[in-house]
Protein backbone atom coordinates (compact mmCIF):
# COMPACT_ATOMS: atom_id res chain seq x y z
CA MET A 1 7.72 -4.84 1.55
CA GLY A 2 8.25 -6.57 -1.34
CA GLY A 3 6.22 -9.39 -0.40
CA TYR A 4 3.13 -7.18 0.52
CA LEU A 5 3.26 -5.80 -3.78
CA ASP A 6 4.05 -9.15 -5.38
CA TYR A 7 1.09 -11.10 -7.70
CA ILE A 8 -0.52 -14.16 -5.92
CA ALA A 9 -1.88 -15.90 -9.31
CA GLY A 10 -5.68 -17.20 -8.08
CA GLU A 11 -9.19 -17.73 -10.62
CA SER A 12 -10.95 -16.27 -8.03
CA ILE A 13 -13.86 -13.57 -8.56
CA LEU A 14 -11.79 -10.79 -7.76
CA HIS A 15 -8.81 -11.91 -10.04
CA ARG A 16 -11.03 -11.95 -12.88
CA LEU A 17 -12.43 -8.28 -12.36
CA ASN A 18 -11.12 -5.63 -14.58
CA PRO A 19 -8.24 -3.98 -13.34
CA LEU A 20 -10.05 -0.54 -13.89
CA THR A 21 -12.65 -2.10 -11.62
CA LYS A 22 -10.45 -3.06 -9.05
CA LEU A 23 -8.70 0.04 -8.80
CA CYS A 24 -12.20 2.16 -8.62
CA LEU A 25 -13.14 -0.42 -5.79
CA SER A 26 -9.84 0.31 -3.80
CA PHE A 27 -10.39 3.78 -4.05
CA VAL A 28 -14.10 3.69 -3.20
CA LEU A 29 -13.15 1.63 0.23
CA CYS A 30 -10.12 4.35 1.08
CA VAL A 31 -12.49 7.13 0.52
CA CYS A 32 -15.23 5.28 2.83
CA CYS A 33 -12.21 5.81 5.61
CA PHE A 34 -12.81 9.23 5.43
CA VAL A 35 -16.04 10.36 4.67
CA SER A 36 -17.25 8.72 8.04
CA ASP A 37 -15.91 10.21 11.78
CA SER A 38 -17.44 6.70 12.96
CA HIS A 39 -14.58 4.26 14.53
CA TRP A 40 -17.08 1.30 13.48
CA VAL A 41 -17.57 2.36 9.65
CA VAL A 42 -13.58 2.62 9.86
CA ALA A 43 -13.31 -0.73 11.21
CA GLY A 44 -16.18 -2.31 9.37
CA VAL A 45 -14.59 -1.28 6.13
CA MET A 46 -11.15 -3.07 7.76
CA ALA A 47 -13.25 -5.71 8.13
CA LEU A 48 -14.65 -5.67 4.48
CA ASN A 49 -10.66 -5.65 3.10
CA VAL A 50 -10.17 -8.87 5.22
CA LEU A 51 -13.29 -10.31 4.05
CA LEU A 52 -12.25 -9.45 0.41
CA ALA A 53 -8.31 -11.01 0.70
CA ALA A 54 -10.49 -13.90 2.32
CA VAL A 55 -12.71 -14.41 -0.88
CA ALA A 56 -9.19 -13.66 -2.92
CA GLY A 57 -7.67 -16.90 -1.71
CA ARG A 58 -5.41 -18.13 0.86
CA GLN A 59 -2.56 -17.23 0.19
CA VAL A 60 -4.20 -13.41 -0.29
CA LEU A 61 -5.49 -14.11 3.11
CA ARG A 62 -2.66 -14.78 4.57
CA ARG A 63 -0.81 -11.78 3.01
CA SER A 64 -3.47 -9.33 4.57
CA CYS A 65 -3.21 -10.54 8.17
CA HIS A 66 0.53 -10.07 8.22
CA MET A 67 0.30 -6.86 6.98
CA LEU A 68 -2.36 -5.85 9.31
CA ARG A 69 -0.13 -7.09 11.75
CA ALA A 70 2.22 -4.91 10.58
CA LEU A 71 0.63 -1.88 10.01
CA VAL A 72 -0.51 -2.42 13.55
CA LYS A 73 2.89 -2.00 14.79
CA PHE A 74 3.81 0.97 12.97
CA SER A 75 0.63 2.64 13.62
CA LEU A 76 1.05 2.01 17.61
CA PHE A 77 4.32 4.66 17.29
CA LEU A 78 1.69 6.97 15.47
CA PHE A 79 -1.01 6.63 17.99
CA VAL A 80 1.47 7.46 21.15
CA LEU A 81 3.26 10.48 18.76
CA GLN A 82 -0.18 11.73 18.06
CA VAL A 83 -2.00 11.40 21.54
CA LEU A 84 0.57 13.35 22.86
CA PHE A 85 0.09 16.27 20.66
CA VAL A 86 -3.94 16.82 20.89
CA ARG A 87 -5.07 18.60 24.30
CA ASP A 88 -8.58 19.84 23.90
CA GLY A 89 -10.91 17.27 25.80
CA ALA A 90 -11.25 15.84 29.28
CA VAL A 91 -7.45 15.16 31.09
CA LEU A 92 -6.64 11.70 31.08
CA LEU A 93 -4.06 11.36 32.34
CA ARG A 94 -0.79 14.17 32.99
CA LEU A 95 2.72 12.57 32.41
CA PRO A 96 6.14 14.32 33.30
CA PHE A 97 7.34 17.46 30.75
CA GLY A 98 3.60 18.89 30.99
CA LEU A 99 2.12 16.39 28.49
CA LEU A 100 -1.33 15.43 28.72
CA VAL A 101 -3.51 12.67 27.92
CA THR A 102 -7.03 13.45 26.53
CA ASP A 103 -10.26 12.01 25.72
CA LEU A 104 -10.30 13.77 22.66
CA GLY A 105 -6.55 13.26 22.29
CA VAL A 106 -7.37 8.91 22.09
CA SER A 107 -10.27 9.13 20.03
CA PHE A 108 -8.50 11.29 17.12
CA SER A 109 -5.43 9.32 17.27
CA LEU A 110 -7.31 6.03 17.42
CA LEU A 111 -9.48 7.39 14.46
CA PHE A 112 -5.92 8.92 12.24
CA VAL A 113 -4.47 5.15 12.77
CA MET A 114 -7.09 3.31 12.10
CA ARG A 115 -8.29 5.37 8.74
CA LEU A 116 -4.66 4.73 7.57
CA MET A 117 -4.90 1.09 7.75
CA GLY A 118 -8.16 1.20 6.34
CA ALA A 119 -7.21 3.13 3.50
CA THR A 120 -3.57 1.12 2.89
CA MET A 121 -5.42 -2.68 2.60
CA PRO A 122 -7.29 -1.78 -0.34
CA LEU A 123 -3.93 -0.94 -2.52
CA ALA A 124 -2.33 -3.90 -1.33
CA LEU A 125 -4.86 -6.03 -2.09
CA VAL A 126 -5.30 -4.59 -6.02
CA LEU A 127 -1.60 -5.60 -6.19
CA SER A 128 -1.67 -9.25 -4.93
CA VAL A 129 -4.61 -9.72 -7.07
CA THR A 130 -3.66 -7.79 -10.64
CA PRO A 131 -0.48 -8.16 -12.38
CA MET A 132 1.30 -4.74 -12.86
CA ASN A 133 1.60 -5.14 -16.60
CA ASP A 134 -2.44 -5.31 -16.79
CA ILE A 135 -2.60 -2.06 -14.44
CA ALA A 136 -0.42 -0.51 -16.58
CA ALA A 137 -2.55 -1.52 -19.83
CA VAL A 138 -5.70 -0.66 -18.53
CA LEU A 139 -4.49 3.33 -16.96
CA VAL A 140 -3.38 3.27 -20.79
CA GLU A 141 -6.47 1.96 -22.79
CA LYS A 142 -9.64 3.18 -20.46
CA LEU A 143 -7.70 6.43 -18.71
CA HIS A 144 -5.89 7.49 -21.75
CA VAL A 145 -3.07 7.92 -19.13
CA PRO A 146 0.48 8.56 -21.64
CA TYR A 147 2.29 5.21 -21.58
CA LYS A 148 5.39 6.93 -19.90
CA TYR A 149 3.69 7.83 -16.86
CA SER A 150 2.27 4.42 -16.16
CA PHE A 151 5.48 2.43 -16.85
CA THR A 152 6.98 4.53 -14.71
CA LEU A 153 4.61 3.84 -12.07
CA MET A 154 4.93 0.04 -13.03
CA THR A 155 8.42 0.15 -12.78
CA ALA A 156 8.94 2.22 -9.05
CA VAL A 157 6.45 -0.42 -7.51
CA ARG A 158 8.55 -3.49 -9.00
CA PHE A 159 11.74 -1.95 -7.62
CA ILE A 160 11.08 -1.95 -4.12
CA PRO A 161 11.57 -5.38 -3.58
CA ILE A 162 14.70 -5.67 -5.61
CA PHE A 163 15.85 -2.86 -3.31
CA ALA A 164 14.46 -4.22 0.00
CA HIS A 165 16.18 -7.55 -1.27
CA GLU A 166 19.36 -5.46 -1.79
CA MET A 167 19.17 -3.75 1.27
CA ALA A 168 18.98 -7.55 3.09
CA GLU A 169 21.94 -8.67 1.58
CA ILE A 170 24.09 -5.43 1.98
CA MET A 171 22.84 -5.60 6.14
CA GLU A 172 23.48 -9.36 6.04
CA ALA A 173 27.25 -8.40 4.49
CA GLN A 174 27.74 -5.57 7.68
CA THR A 175 26.29 -8.25 9.77
CA ALA A 176 28.87 -10.99 9.02
CA ARG A 177 31.76 -7.93 9.42
CA GLY A 178 30.29 -7.42 12.87
CA VAL A 179 27.38 -4.74 12.77
CA GLU A 180 24.99 -5.17 15.36
CA PHE A 181 21.93 -4.31 13.11
CA ASP A 182 19.62 -6.70 15.89
CA THR A 183 20.08 -4.01 18.64
CA ARG A 184 16.95 -2.83 20.05
CA ASN A 185 18.04 0.57 20.49
CA PHE A 186 15.82 2.65 17.77
CA PHE A 187 17.74 5.24 17.46
CA ARG A 188 21.27 2.93 17.16
CA LYS A 189 19.84 1.11 14.69
CA ILE A 190 18.64 3.91 12.07
CA ARG A 191 21.97 5.47 12.67
CA LEU A 192 23.74 2.24 11.41
CA ILE A 193 20.89 1.93 8.53
CA LEU A 194 22.29 5.07 7.07
CA PRO A 195 25.51 4.98 5.91
CA LEU A 196 23.84 2.13 4.16
CA CYS A 197 21.93 4.08 1.87
CA VAL A 198 24.93 5.38 -0.56
CA PRO A 199 25.53 1.65 -1.84
CA LEU A 200 22.36 1.39 -2.21
CA LEU A 201 21.65 4.30 -4.42
CA ILE A 202 25.01 2.97 -6.42
CA SER A 203 23.36 0.12 -6.99
CA SER A 204 20.18 1.82 -7.56
CA VAL A 205 21.64 4.14 -10.14
CA ARG A 206 23.13 0.86 -12.33
CA LYS A 207 19.85 -0.46 -12.85
CA ILE A 208 17.50 2.18 -13.44
CA GLU A 209 21.08 2.98 -16.10
CA SER A 210 20.65 -0.64 -17.27
CA GLY A 211 16.98 -0.94 -17.39
CA ALA A 212 16.68 2.42 -19.46
CA ILE A 213 18.71 1.55 -21.86
CA ALA A 214 16.84 -1.33 -22.13
CA VAL A 215 13.73 0.27 -23.07
CA GLU A 216 15.67 2.03 -25.21
CA LEU A 217 16.48 -1.10 -27.44
CA ARG A 218 12.82 -2.64 -27.88
CA GLY A 219 11.40 1.09 -28.82
CA PHE A 220 10.41 2.68 -26.35
CA ASN A 221 9.10 5.85 -27.36
CA CYS A 222 7.66 4.46 -30.42
CA ARG A 223 4.81 2.58 -27.60
CA LYS A 224 1.22 4.19 -27.79
CA ARG A 225 -1.82 2.86 -26.64
CA GLY A 226 -2.56 1.15 -29.22
CA CYS A 227 0.14 -0.96 -28.96
CA ALA A 228 -1.25 -2.98 -26.28
CA TYR A 229 -2.24 -6.79 -27.22
CA LYS A 230 -4.69 -7.45 -24.71
CA ARG A 231 -8.49 -5.76 -24.28
CA TYR A 232 -9.58 -5.02 -20.89
CA ASP A 233 -13.81 -5.08 -21.28
CA ILE A 234 -16.03 -3.79 -18.64
CA LEU A 235 -18.11 -7.20 -18.78
CA PRO A 236 -21.27 -7.59 -16.17
CA ARG A 237 -19.65 -8.17 -13.17
CA ASP A 238 -17.62 -5.44 -13.40
CA LEU A 239 -21.06 -3.39 -13.12
CA LEU A 240 -22.21 -4.93 -10.48
CA ALA A 241 -19.06 -4.67 -8.51
CA MET A 242 -18.75 -0.58 -8.77
CA ALA A 243 -22.49 -0.48 -7.95
CA SER A 244 -21.87 -2.04 -5.12
CA GLY A 245 -18.99 -0.20 -4.39
CA ILE A 246 -20.81 3.54 -5.04
CA ALA A 247 -23.73 2.00 -3.04
CA LEU A 248 -21.13 1.62 0.43
CA LEU A 249 -20.50 4.78 -0.45
CA ALA A 250 -23.55 6.48 -0.08
CA ALA A 251 -24.93 4.25 2.89
CA ILE A 252 -21.65 5.53 4.60
CA ALA A 253 -21.79 9.22 3.89
CA ALA A 254 -25.65 8.94 4.51
CA LEU A 255 -24.63 7.56 7.97
């Protein structure tokens, strides 16, 4: 998960946009996935996400494709789980234990997972083309979010790859001791991973404590909205991007 949240440097138009503009565009794309019940509209939003990733650069496009592939694998499980519990519509398939597969169930479940993928990709794209420091600073400067909350959000996102790396190290250590994490039995794998949460939790508490001490020594409580050294002005290209996003949302809502 951590690899999907790291910033990728670049000089594309997306990299040069104001962080607030990028946040607004990602929010608009997420909303676009829910204002329409058309599968084609949601698929078009997903294609637009891939196109924006291509504009941002080859590395961003490669990461978006990897993330889309991971979302498809996760969505398959949700699709199967969802389609078995929707009993409205014409029956397409009868399964043991009274389970049914209906046309409305397939349509609803497909739209559900497509919305999930379409709403996740814009947020990951923003994190790929925007440093977390800029996101936190623009939330404080433009939206007047208290710095404590902005810092908490930034720190939580930054800790995700750290915890993922530590979990991988713990699993490698357990594998060296003979624990078979490569089993194909999903429930057995979950049962093997759950005990690893204890050492990960202990390590996380230690890191949080050391981080809290570090920020206190740097005058965290004295930080105000005007303390930022960088300003984030709204330029014409930001206005054009916002207008394009609003026009897209209005067109989808009208359809």
